[in-house]
Amino acid sequence: MKRIFDLLTLILITISLTAVSQARLTSEPGLLIVTTIFPLSEFTREITAGQDEIYQLIPTSSEVHDFQLRPSDLSRLMSANILVRIGGQLEPWLDRIQGSLETKKLTVISFTEVLKASNYAGLRTEDPHLWLDFEADQLLVKKLMEVLSDLNPALAAVYKKNGQALLEKLKQLDSQYQQSLAICRSADLIIAGHQAFGYLTARYKLNQIALTGLNPEAQPTPRRLQEVINLIRSRQIKAIFYESSSPPEYARQIARETGSKLYRLSTGVDLSKKEIKEKKSFLNLMEDNLKILIEGLGCGQPNN
């Protein structure tokens, strides 16, 4: 009888230890992953599904180009297992800090370097807005799955399952953009700001016409403003778009002189208070953008 009791006790202890182990696996964060901007956090969060801790350096309510690193951010970087960044010209302050981080366990994933290593034909080295190309996003997601699985093999199956689901969402979104923007009344995307949508327009065969270049702080000259106004009139363009991170003053000025309608496009990085309150995901923002583009460009209608 005692043997039976001891055996039952051993079985119960084993079951308890297994349950504790599984609870730790599903409830305790494993890796510390530091990301720079919202889309990178979103991709990482979808793959990890709460298994790892994600710390975003640049808040979604902040302007990317005005961000300054805080002591608490540096502390997180020192403790991180993975740093996910865009690379190129978007986070120059990280270039200065990254080399001085005294940690051997930090794995850096640069979106720009991922595309270079993949020989991605759509890479525009001068343009840091890589996340607005949904085919490029898929390459980053695959890299994230690979690195996460290498660093935490116990969750490799989880990362793979979640990553594959995210890849399907991105493929579907890319297909929706391709089909919806194939035939539009106008292919001219007038941006009353800087050239933030170069990847999107290149991918979907639109023509980006912006007031300024890639520098978000540049101001258009009066001559450039008049050039764009004249172009809108000559081509009878019905829509003017402004990026979510920029005040629409120039857009309003152009609209007053041309009678064109204003539309707001999200860059997917800085969210409005309403978007934050509604817990909009990056994919939600891009779906909203597609609806706006369809309306503004008159898609689904033959060209004039």
C-alpha atoms as a PDB file:
ATOM      1  CA  MET A   1       0.000   0.000   0.000  1.00  0.00           C
ATOM      2  CA  LYS A   2       2.847   2.335   0.871  1.00  0.00           C
ATOM      3  CA  ARG A   3       4.439   1.694  -2.555  1.00  0.00           C
ATOM      4  CA  ILE A   4       1.198   2.639  -4.263  1.00  0.00           C
ATOM      5  CA  PHE A   5       0.976   5.808  -2.148  1.00  0.00           C
ATOM      6  CA  ASP A   6       4.613   6.729  -2.939  1.00  0.00           C
ATOM      7  CA  LEU A   7       4.006   6.117  -6.634  1.00  0.00           C
ATOM      8  CA  LEU A   8       0.920   8.311  -6.636  1.00  0.00           C
ATOM      9  CA  THR A   9       2.826  11.019  -4.778  1.00  0.00           C
ATOM     10  CA  LEU A  10       5.640  10.857  -7.349  1.00  0.00           C
ATOM     11  CA  ILE A  11       3.138  11.121 -10.208  1.00  0.00           C
ATOM     12  CA  LEU A  12       1.429  14.126  -8.595  1.00  0.00           C
ATOM     13  CA  ILE A  13       4.781  15.872  -8.046  1.00  0.00           C
ATOM     14  CA  THR A  14       5.762  15.225 -11.664  1.00  0.00           C
ATOM     15  CA  ILE A  15       2.441  16.613 -12.927  1.00  0.00           C
ATOM     16  CA  SER A  16       2.834  19.691 -10.714  1.00  0.00           C
ATOM     17  CA  LEU A  17       6.375  20.364 -11.906  1.00  0.00           C
ATOM     18  CA  THR A  18       5.277  19.976 -15.521  1.00  0.00           C
ATOM     19  CA  ALA A  19       2.408  22.411 -14.975  1.00  0.00           C
ATOM     20  CA  VAL A  20       4.737  24.939 -13.346  1.00  0.00           C
ATOM     21  CA  SER A  21       7.201  24.568 -16.201  1.00  0.00           C
ATOM     22  CA  GLN A  22       4.448  25.098 -18.782  1.00  0.00           C
ATOM     23  CA  ALA A  23       3.092  28.090 -16.877  1.00  0.00           C
ATOM     24  CA  ARG A  24       6.533  29.650 -16.895  1.00  0.00           C
ATOM     25  CA  LEU A  25       6.852  28.960 -20.587  1.00  0.00           C
ATOM     26  CA  THR A  26       3.595  30.722 -21.395  1.00  0.00           C
ATOM     27  CA  SER A  27       3.492  33.484 -18.792  1.00  0.00           C
ATOM     28  CA  GLU A  28       7.053  34.624 -18.113  1.00  0.00           C
ATOM     29  CA  PRO A  29       8.788  36.765 -20.706  1.00  0.00           C
ATOM     30  CA  GLY A  30      11.887  35.144 -22.123  1.00  0.00           C
ATOM     31  CA  LEU A  31      13.872  37.472 -24.358  1.00  0.00           C
ATOM     32  CA  LEU A  32      14.049  41.243 -24.073  1.00  0.00           C
ATOM     33  CA  ILE A  33      13.554  42.697 -27.546  1.00  0.00           C
ATOM     34  CA  VAL A  34      14.120  46.413 -28.107  1.00  0.00           C
ATOM     35  CA  THR A  35      12.563  47.941 -31.216  1.00  0.00           C
ATOM     36  CA  THR A  36      12.778  51.479 -32.531  1.00  0.00           C
ATOM     37  CA  ILE A  37       9.383  52.145 -34.149  1.00  0.00           C
ATOM     38  CA  PHE A  38       5.785  50.908 -34.100  1.00  0.00           C
ATOM     39  CA  PRO A  39       5.777  48.646 -37.205  1.00  0.00           C
ATOM     40  CA  LEU A  40       8.822  46.750 -35.904  1.00  0.00           C
ATOM     41  CA  SER A  41       7.137  46.309 -32.522  1.00  0.00           C
ATOM     42  CA  GLU A  42       3.984  45.083 -34.228  1.00  0.00           C
ATOM     43  CA  PHE A  43       5.783  42.439 -36.286  1.00  0.00           C
ATOM     44  CA  THR A  44       7.754  41.246 -33.265  1.00  0.00           C
ATOM     45  CA  ARG A  45       4.675  41.201 -31.037  1.00  0.00           C
ATOM     46  CA  GLU A  46       2.701  39.113 -33.540  1.00  0.00           C
ATOM     47  CA  ILE A  47       5.482  36.526 -33.752  1.00  0.00           C
ATOM     48  CA  THR A  48       6.185  36.294 -30.016  1.00  0.00           C
ATOM     49  CA  ALA A  49       2.530  36.535 -28.912  1.00  0.00           C
ATOM     50  CA  GLY A  50       3.377  37.652 -25.378  1.00  0.00           C
ATOM     51  CA  GLN A  51       6.156  35.119 -24.782  1.00  0.00           C
ATOM     52  CA  ASP A  52       8.897  37.784 -24.815  1.00  0.00           C
ATOM     53  CA  GLU A  53       9.178  41.346 -23.561  1.00  0.00           C
ATOM     54  CA  ILE A  54       9.131  44.074 -26.211  1.00  0.00           C
ATOM     55  CA  TYR A  55      10.366  47.584 -25.459  1.00  0.00           C
ATOM     56  CA  GLN A  56       9.801  50.291 -28.087  1.00  0.00           C
ATOM     57  CA  LEU A  57      12.275  53.160 -27.968  1.00  0.00           C
ATOM     58  CA  ILE A  58      10.279  55.776 -29.905  1.00  0.00           C
ATOM     59  CA  PRO A  59       6.710  56.125 -28.559  1.00  0.00           C
ATOM     60  CA  THR A  60       3.914  55.948 -31.118  1.00  0.00           C
ATOM     61  CA  SER A  61       2.797  59.429 -30.109  1.00  0.00           C
ATOM     62  CA  SER A  62       6.231  60.954 -30.797  1.00  0.00           C
ATOM     63  CA  GLU A  63       7.821  62.307 -33.944  1.00  0.00           C
ATOM     64  CA  VAL A  64      10.531  59.873 -35.053  1.00  0.00           C
ATOM     65  CA  HIS A  65      12.918  62.532 -36.264  1.00  0.00           C
ATOM     66  CA  ASP A  66      12.762  64.568 -33.021  1.00  0.00           C
ATOM     67  CA  PHE A  67      13.384  61.635 -30.678  1.00  0.00           C
ATOM     68  CA  GLN A  68      16.140  61.807 -28.067  1.00  0.00           C
ATOM     69  CA  LEU A  69      17.416  58.737 -26.238  1.00  0.00           C
ATOM     70  CA  ARG A  70      16.736  58.667 -22.489  1.00  0.00           C
ATOM     71  CA  PRO A  71      18.866  57.023 -19.731  1.00  0.00           C
ATOM     72  CA  SER A  72      16.121  54.414 -19.233  1.00  0.00           C
ATOM     73  CA  ASP A  73      16.360  53.537 -22.933  1.00  0.00           C
ATOM     74  CA  LEU A  74      20.085  52.992 -22.669  1.00  0.00           C
ATOM     75  CA  SER A  75      19.547  50.728 -19.675  1.00  0.00           C
ATOM     76  CA  ARG A  76      17.107  48.626 -21.684  1.00  0.00           C
ATOM     77  CA  LEU A  77      19.548  48.406 -24.574  1.00  0.00           C
ATOM     78  CA  MET A  78      22.250  47.189 -22.204  1.00  0.00           C
ATOM     79  CA  SER A  79      19.945  44.380 -21.018  1.00  0.00           C
ATOM     80  CA  ALA A  80      18.421  43.485 -24.382  1.00  0.00           C
ATOM     81  CA  ASN A  81      18.861  40.229 -26.281  1.00  0.00           C
ATOM     82  CA  ILE A  82      17.729  41.662 -29.623  1.00  0.00           C
ATOM     83  CA  LEU A  83      17.651  45.135 -31.134  1.00  0.00           C
ATOM     84  CA  VAL A  84      15.344  45.532 -34.143  1.00  0.00           C
ATOM     85  CA  ARG A  85      15.937  48.728 -36.086  1.00  0.00           C
ATOM     86  CA  ILE A  86      15.425  50.194 -39.540  1.00  0.00           C
ATOM     87  CA  GLY A  87      19.036  51.189 -40.170  1.00  0.00           C
ATOM     88  CA  GLY A  88      20.120  53.575 -42.867  1.00  0.00           C
ATOM     89  CA  GLN A  89      19.239  57.187 -42.155  1.00  0.00           C
ATOM     90  CA  LEU A  90      16.295  56.803 -39.782  1.00  0.00           C
ATOM     91  CA  GLU A  91      18.128  56.240 -36.465  1.00  0.00           C
ATOM     92  CA  PRO A  92      21.587  57.835 -36.801  1.00  0.00           C
ATOM     93  CA  TRP A  93      21.814  58.195 -33.025  1.00  0.00           C
ATOM     94  CA  LEU A  94      21.826  54.397 -32.735  1.00  0.00           C
ATOM     95  CA  ASP A  95      24.918  54.174 -34.935  1.00  0.00           C
ATOM     96  CA  ARG A  96      26.826  56.224 -32.364  1.00  0.00           C
ATOM     97  CA  ILE A  97      25.534  54.219 -29.391  1.00  0.00           C
ATOM     98  CA  GLN A  98      25.526  50.701 -30.793  1.00  0.00           C
ATOM     99  CA  GLY A  99      29.307  50.372 -30.934  1.00  0.00           C
ATOM    100  CA  SER A 100      29.702  51.457 -27.303  1.00  0.00           C
ATOM    101  CA  LEU A 101      27.176  48.996 -25.868  1.00  0.00           C
ATOM    102  CA  GLU A 102      29.189  46.687 -23.630  1.00  0.00           C
ATOM    103  CA  THR A 103      27.145  43.559 -24.196  1.00  0.00           C
ATOM    104  CA  LYS A 104      28.005  40.434 -26.140  1.00  0.00           C
ATOM    105  CA  LYS A 105      24.495  39.012 -26.023  1.00  0.00           C
ATOM    106  CA  LEU A 106      22.868  41.738 -28.151  1.00  0.00           C
ATOM    107  CA  THR A 107      21.798  40.579 -31.614  1.00  0.00           C
ATOM    108  CA  VAL A 108      21.060  43.470 -33.964  1.00  0.00           C
ATOM    109  CA  ILE A 109      18.542  43.077 -36.787  1.00  0.00           C
ATOM    110  CA  SER A 110      18.694  45.954 -39.261  1.00  0.00           C
ATOM    111  CA  PHE A 111      15.816  46.040 -41.752  1.00  0.00           C
ATOM    112  CA  THR A 112      18.075  47.720 -44.319  1.00  0.00           C
ATOM    113  CA  GLU A 113      20.755  45.047 -43.932  1.00  0.00           C
ATOM    114  CA  VAL A 114      18.148  42.265 -44.210  1.00  0.00           C
ATOM    115  CA  LEU A 115      17.050  43.641 -47.589  1.00  0.00           C
ATOM    116  CA  LYS A 116      20.648  44.053 -48.734  1.00  0.00           C
ATOM    117  CA  ALA A 117      21.480  40.465 -47.773  1.00  0.00           C
ATOM    118  CA  SER A 118      18.384  39.302 -49.664  1.00  0.00           C
ATOM    119  CA  ASN A 119      19.373  41.336 -52.746  1.00  0.00           C
ATOM    120  CA  TYR A 120      15.916  42.872 -52.617  1.00  0.00           C
ATOM    121  CA  ALA A 121      15.322  44.660 -55.908  1.00  0.00           C
ATOM    122  CA  GLY A 122      12.982  47.196 -54.335  1.00  0.00           C
ATOM    123  CA  LEU A 123      15.562  48.527 -51.841  1.00  0.00           C
ATOM    124  CA  ARG A 124      15.961  52.307 -52.016  1.00  0.00           C
ATOM    125  CA  THR A 125      19.064  52.932 -49.906  1.00  0.00           C
ATOM    126  CA  GLU A 126      18.363  56.661 -49.577  1.00  0.00           C
ATOM    127  CA  ASP A 127      14.776  56.089 -48.350  1.00  0.00           C
ATOM    128  CA  PRO A 128      14.278  54.725 -44.788  1.00  0.00           C
ATOM    129  CA  HIS A 129      10.502  54.094 -45.066  1.00  0.00           C
ATOM    130  CA  LEU A 130      11.002  50.372 -45.744  1.00  0.00           C
ATOM    131  CA  TRP A 131       7.999  49.172 -43.749  1.00  0.00           C
ATOM    132  CA  LEU A 132       5.592  50.623 -46.352  1.00  0.00           C
ATOM    133  CA  ASP A 133       6.614  47.856 -48.767  1.00  0.00           C
ATOM    134  CA  PHE A 134       4.692  44.768 -47.654  1.00  0.00           C
ATOM    135  CA  GLU A 135       6.865  42.374 -49.651  1.00  0.00           C
ATOM    136  CA  ALA A 136       9.932  43.754 -47.897  1.00  0.00           C
ATOM    137  CA  ASP A 137       8.125  43.342 -44.566  1.00  0.00           C
ATOM    138  CA  GLN A 138       7.854  39.627 -45.246  1.00  0.00           C
ATOM    139  CA  LEU A 139      11.636  39.327 -45.522  1.00  0.00           C
ATOM    140  CA  LEU A 140      12.033  41.041 -42.155  1.00  0.00           C
ATOM    141  CA  VAL A 141       9.450  38.752 -40.543  1.00  0.00           C
ATOM    142  CA  LYS A 142      11.329  35.679 -41.794  1.00  0.00           C
ATOM    143  CA  LYS A 143      14.559  37.052 -40.324  1.00  0.00           C
ATOM    144  CA  LEU A 144      12.849  37.729 -36.995  1.00  0.00           C
ATOM    145  CA  MET A 145      11.504  34.159 -36.905  1.00  0.00           C
ATOM    146  CA  GLU A 146      14.997  32.798 -37.586  1.00  0.00           C
ATOM    147  CA  VAL A 147      16.778  34.866 -34.938  1.00  0.00           C
ATOM    148  CA  LEU A 148      14.114  34.328 -32.272  1.00  0.00           C
ATOM    149  CA  SER A 149      14.195  30.566 -32.840  1.00  0.00           C
ATOM    150  CA  ASP A 150      18.002  30.503 -32.609  1.00  0.00           C
ATOM    151  CA  LEU A 151      18.035  32.442 -29.341  1.00  0.00           C
ATOM    152  CA  ASN A 152      15.084  30.646 -27.766  1.00  0.00           C
ATOM    153  CA  PRO A 153      14.751  27.147 -29.324  1.00  0.00           C
ATOM    154  CA  ALA A 154      12.123  26.110 -26.766  1.00  0.00           C
ATOM    155  CA  LEU A 155       9.658  28.470 -28.444  1.00  0.00           C
ATOM    156  CA  ALA A 156      10.734  27.859 -32.039  1.00  0.00           C
ATOM    157  CA  ALA A 157       7.457  26.128 -32.893  1.00  0.00           C
ATOM    158  CA  VAL A 158       5.469  29.046 -31.458  1.00  0.00           C
ATOM    159  CA  TYR A 159       7.515  31.594 -33.407  1.00  0.00           C
ATOM    160  CA  LYS A 160       7.105  29.592 -36.598  1.00  0.00           C
ATOM    161  CA  LYS A 161       3.345  29.242 -36.251  1.00  0.00           C
ATOM    162  CA  ASN A 162       2.779  32.910 -35.413  1.00  0.00           C
ATOM    163  CA  GLY A 163       5.275  34.091 -38.020  1.00  0.00           C
ATOM    164  CA  GLN A 164       3.609  32.083 -40.768  1.00  0.00           C
ATOM    165  CA  ALA A 165       0.242  33.587 -39.812  1.00  0.00           C
ATOM    166  CA  LEU A 166       1.747  37.089 -40.023  1.00  0.00           C
ATOM    167  CA  LEU A 167       3.330  36.324 -43.397  1.00  0.00           C
ATOM    168  CA  GLU A 168      -0.086  35.305 -44.724  1.00  0.00           C
ATOM    169  CA  LYS A 169      -1.606  38.578 -43.495  1.00  0.00           C
ATOM    170  CA  LEU A 170       1.132  40.582 -45.224  1.00  0.00           C
ATOM    171  CA  LYS A 171       0.747  38.592 -48.443  1.00  0.00           C
ATOM    172  CA  GLN A 172      -2.991  39.188 -48.386  1.00  0.00           C
ATOM    173  CA  LEU A 173      -2.523  42.913 -47.729  1.00  0.00           C
ATOM    174  CA  ASP A 174      -0.002  43.161 -50.570  1.00  0.00           C
ATOM    175  CA  SER A 175      -2.424  41.375 -52.900  1.00  0.00           C
ATOM    176  CA  GLN A 176      -5.270  43.719 -51.906  1.00  0.00           C
ATOM    177  CA  TYR A 177      -3.100  46.755 -52.703  1.00  0.00           C
ATOM    178  CA  GLN A 178      -2.006  45.255 -56.026  1.00  0.00           C
ATOM    179  CA  GLN A 179      -5.557  44.502 -57.128  1.00  0.00           C
ATOM    180  CA  SER A 180      -7.244  47.626 -55.759  1.00  0.00           C
ATOM    181  CA  LEU A 181      -4.695  50.106 -57.141  1.00  0.00           C
ATOM    182  CA  ALA A 182      -4.284  48.432 -60.536  1.00  0.00           C
ATOM    183  CA  ILE A 183      -6.795  50.711 -62.251  1.00  0.00           C
ATOM    184  CA  CYS A 184      -7.299  54.240 -60.924  1.00  0.00           C
ATOM    185  CA  ARG A 185      -8.559  57.505 -62.344  1.00  0.00           C
ATOM    186  CA  SER A 186      -5.216  59.030 -61.385  1.00  0.00           C
ATOM    187  CA  ALA A 187      -1.876  57.438 -60.524  1.00  0.00           C
ATOM    188  CA  ASP A 188      -0.494  60.727 -59.189  1.00  0.00           C
ATOM    189  CA  LEU A 189      -0.103  60.723 -55.413  1.00  0.00           C
ATOM    190  CA  ILE A 190       0.287  64.372 -54.401  1.00  0.00           C
ATOM    191  CA  ILE A 191       1.958  64.501 -50.973  1.00  0.00           C
ATOM    192  CA  ALA A 192       1.815  67.897 -49.257  1.00  0.00           C
ATOM    193  CA  GLY A 193       4.947  67.066 -47.298  1.00  0.00           C
ATOM    194  CA  HIS A 194       8.140  65.064 -47.716  1.00  0.00           C
ATOM    195  CA  GLN A 195       8.654  61.888 -49.753  1.00  0.00           C
ATOM    196  CA  ALA A 196       7.424  59.411 -47.157  1.00  0.00           C
ATOM    197  CA  PHE A 197       5.599  57.047 -49.520  1.00  0.00           C
ATOM    198  CA  GLY A 198       8.280  56.163 -52.060  1.00  0.00           C
ATOM    199  CA  TYR A 199       8.216  52.452 -51.261  1.00  0.00           C
ATOM    200  CA  LEU A 200       4.444  52.287 -51.449  1.00  0.00           C
ATOM    201  CA  THR A 201       4.232  54.154 -54.756  1.00  0.00           C
ATOM    202  CA  ALA A 202       7.068  52.145 -56.321  1.00  0.00           C
ATOM    203  CA  ARG A 203       5.514  48.847 -55.257  1.00  0.00           C
ATOM    204  CA  TYR A 204       2.064  49.688 -56.583  1.00  0.00           C
ATOM    205  CA  LYS A 205       3.067  51.695 -59.659  1.00  0.00           C
ATOM    206  CA  LEU A 206       1.887  55.093 -58.450  1.00  0.00           C
ATOM    207  CA  ASN A 207       3.631  58.410 -59.044  1.00  0.00           C
ATOM    208  CA  GLN A 208       4.635  60.206 -55.837  1.00  0.00           C
ATOM    209  CA  ILE A 209       4.761  63.987 -56.201  1.00  0.00           C
ATOM    210  CA  ALA A 210       5.877  65.600 -52.944  1.00  0.00           C
ATOM    211  CA  LEU A 211       6.536  69.186 -51.941  1.00  0.00           C
ATOM    212  CA  THR A 212       9.968  68.318 -50.533  1.00  0.00           C
ATOM    213  CA  GLY A 213      12.500  65.478 -50.643  1.00  0.00           C
ATOM    214  CA  LEU A 214      13.295  62.878 -48.009  1.00  0.00           C
ATOM    215  CA  ASN A 215      14.189  65.389 -45.287  1.00  0.00           C
ATOM    216  CA  PRO A 216      11.029  65.692 -43.139  1.00  0.00           C
ATOM    217  CA  GLU A 217      12.120  69.076 -41.792  1.00  0.00           C
ATOM    218  CA  ALA A 218      12.560  70.704 -45.208  1.00  0.00           C
ATOM    219  CA  GLN A 219      10.172  73.479 -46.199  1.00  0.00           C
ATOM    220  CA  PRO A 220       8.906  73.847 -49.774  1.00  0.00           C
ATOM    221  CA  THR A 221       9.895  76.929 -51.707  1.00  0.00           C
ATOM    222  CA  PRO A 222       7.158  79.212 -53.124  1.00  0.00           C
ATOM    223  CA  ARG A 223       8.277  78.106 -56.571  1.00  0.00           C
ATOM    224  CA  ARG A 224       7.776  74.421 -55.713  1.00  0.00           C
ATOM    225  CA  LEU A 225       4.336  75.139 -54.253  1.00  0.00           C
ATOM    226  CA  GLN A 226       3.303  76.871 -57.464  1.00  0.00           C
ATOM    227  CA  GLU A 227       4.698  74.037 -59.586  1.00  0.00           C
ATOM    228  CA  VAL A 228       2.563  71.508 -57.731  1.00  0.00           C
ATOM    229  CA  ILE A 229      -0.523  73.729 -57.916  1.00  0.00           C
ATOM    230  CA  ASN A 230      -0.048  74.138 -61.681  1.00  0.00           C
ATOM    231  CA  LEU A 231       0.410  70.377 -62.099  1.00  0.00           C
ATOM    232  CA  ILE A 232      -2.785  69.649 -60.150  1.00  0.00           C
ATOM    233  CA  ARG A 233      -4.726  72.058 -62.334  1.00  0.00           C
ATOM    234  CA  SER A 234      -3.272  70.789 -65.621  1.00  0.00           C
ATOM    235  CA  ARG A 235      -3.911  67.125 -64.777  1.00  0.00           C
ATOM    236  CA  GLN A 236      -7.227  67.848 -63.030  1.00  0.00           C
ATOM    237  CA  ILE A 237      -6.102  65.966 -59.940  1.00  0.00           C
ATOM    238  CA  LYS A 238      -8.908  65.624 -57.398  1.00  0.00           C
ATOM    239  CA  ALA A 239      -6.998  64.597 -54.252  1.00  0.00           C
ATOM    240  CA  ILE A 240      -4.176  65.916 -52.092  1.00  0.00           C
ATOM    241  CA  PHE A 241      -2.659  63.666 -49.424  1.00  0.00           C
ATOM    242  CA  TYR A 242      -0.766  64.671 -46.319  1.00  0.00           C
ATOM    243  CA  GLU A 243       1.222  62.372 -44.073  1.00  0.00           C
ATOM    244  CA  SER A 244       0.051  61.656 -40.562  1.00  0.00           C
ATOM    245  CA  SER A 245       3.180  63.129 -38.970  1.00  0.00           C
ATOM    246  CA  SER A 246       2.894  66.531 -40.678  1.00  0.00           C
ATOM    247  CA  PRO A 247       0.452  69.398 -40.034  1.00  0.00           C
ATOM    248  CA  PRO A 248      -1.718  69.893 -43.136  1.00  0.00           C
ATOM    249  CA  GLU A 249      -1.119  73.639 -43.590  1.00  0.00           C
ATOM    250  CA  TYR A 250       0.428  73.277 -47.046  1.00  0.00           C
ATOM    251  CA  ALA A 251      -2.231  70.751 -48.020  1.00  0.00           C
ATOM    252  CA  ARG A 252      -4.957  73.230 -47.047  1.00  0.00           C
ATOM    253  CA  GLN A 253      -3.253  76.011 -48.995  1.00  0.00           C
ATOM    254  CA  ILE A 254      -3.068  73.881 -52.136  1.00  0.00           C
ATOM    255  CA  ALA A 255      -6.642  72.684 -51.672  1.00  0.00           C
ATOM    256  CA  ARG A 256      -7.907  76.265 -51.455  1.00  0.00           C
ATOM    257  CA  GLU A 257      -6.232  77.160 -54.748  1.00  0.00           C
ATOM    258  CA  THR A 258      -7.139  73.994 -56.661  1.00  0.00           C
ATOM    259  CA  GLY A 259     -10.421  72.812 -55.165  1.00  0.00           C
ATOM    260  CA  SER A 260      -8.941  69.365 -54.535  1.00  0.00           C
ATOM    261  CA  LYS A 261     -10.030  67.272 -51.565  1.00  0.00           C
ATOM    262  CA  LEU A 262      -7.724  66.525 -48.611  1.00  0.00           C
ATOM    263  CA  TYR A 263      -6.892  63.007 -47.421  1.00  0.00           C
ATOM    264  CA  ARG A 264      -4.721  61.900 -44.492  1.00  0.00           C
ATOM    265  CA  LEU A 265      -2.375  58.942 -44.999  1.00  0.00           C
ATOM    266  CA  SER A 266      -0.706  57.146 -42.107  1.00  0.00           C
ATOM    267  CA  THR A 267       2.997  56.408 -42.260  1.00  0.00           C
ATOM    268  CA  GLY A 268       2.290  53.639 -39.749  1.00  0.00           C
ATOM    269  CA  VAL A 269       4.701  55.082 -37.203  1.00  0.00           C
ATOM    270  CA  ASP A 270       3.168  57.944 -35.247  1.00  0.00           C
ATOM    271  CA  LEU A 271      -0.445  57.369 -34.254  1.00  0.00           C
ATOM    272  CA  SER A 272      -3.105  59.915 -33.415  1.00  0.00           C
ATOM    273  CA  LYS A 273      -4.761  59.894 -29.982  1.00  0.00           C
ATOM    274  CA  LYS A 274      -7.831  58.357 -31.591  1.00  0.00           C
ATOM    275  CA  GLU A 275      -5.808  55.589 -33.247  1.00  0.00           C
ATOM    276  CA  ILE A 276      -4.046  54.814 -29.969  1.00  0.00           C
ATOM    277  CA  LYS A 277      -7.376  54.753 -28.100  1.00  0.00           C
ATOM    278  CA  GLU A 278      -8.851  52.407 -30.735  1.00  0.00           C
ATOM    279  CA  LYS A 279      -5.730  50.205 -30.440  1.00  0.00           C
ATOM    280  CA  LYS A 280      -5.090  50.322 -34.160  1.00  0.00           C
ATOM    281  CA  SER A 281      -2.487  47.849 -35.333  1.00  0.00           C
ATOM    282  CA  PHE A 282      -0.005  48.542 -38.124  1.00  0.00           C
ATOM    283  CA  LEU A 283      -2.030  46.318 -40.443  1.00  0.00           C
ATOM    284  CA  ASN A 284      -5.212  48.216 -39.486  1.00  0.00           C
ATOM    285  CA  LEU A 285      -3.525  51.493 -40.415  1.00  0.00           C
ATOM    286  CA  MET A 286      -2.434  50.116 -43.770  1.00  0.00           C
ATOM    287  CA  GLU A 287      -5.957  48.808 -44.470  1.00  0.00           C
ATOM    288  CA  ASP A 288      -7.284  52.291 -43.688  1.00  0.00           C
ATOM    289  CA  ASN A 289      -4.697  53.767 -46.068  1.00  0.00           C
ATOM    290  CA  LEU A 290      -5.886  51.511 -48.861  1.00  0.00           C
ATOM    291  CA  LYS A 291      -9.485  52.665 -48.453  1.00  0.00           C
ATOM    292  CA  ILE A 292      -8.309  56.292 -48.556  1.00  0.00           C
ATOM    293  CA  LEU A 293      -6.186  55.696 -51.653  1.00  0.00           C
ATOM    294  CA  ILE A 294      -9.056  53.979 -53.463  1.00  0.00           C
ATOM    295  CA  GLU A 295     -11.348  56.936 -52.782  1.00  0.00           C
ATOM    296  CA  GLY A 296      -8.796  59.676 -53.428  1.00  0.00           C
ATOM    297  CA  LEU A 297      -7.342  58.229 -56.619  1.00  0.00           C
ATOM    298  CA  GLY A 298     -10.653  56.981 -57.956  1.00  0.00           C
ATOM    299  CA  CYS A 299      -9.504  53.378 -58.170  1.00  0.00           C
ATOM    300  CA  GLY A 300     -11.689  50.826 -59.834  1.00  0.00           C
ATOM    301  CA  GLN A 301     -12.482  53.471 -62.452  1.00  0.00           C
ATOM    302  CA  PRO A 302     -10.852  53.851 -65.877  1.00  0.00           C
ATOM    303  CA  ASN A 303      -8.282  56.588 -66.405  1.00  0.00           C
ATOM    304  CA  ASN A 304      -9.512  59.757 -68.104  1.00  0.00           C
END
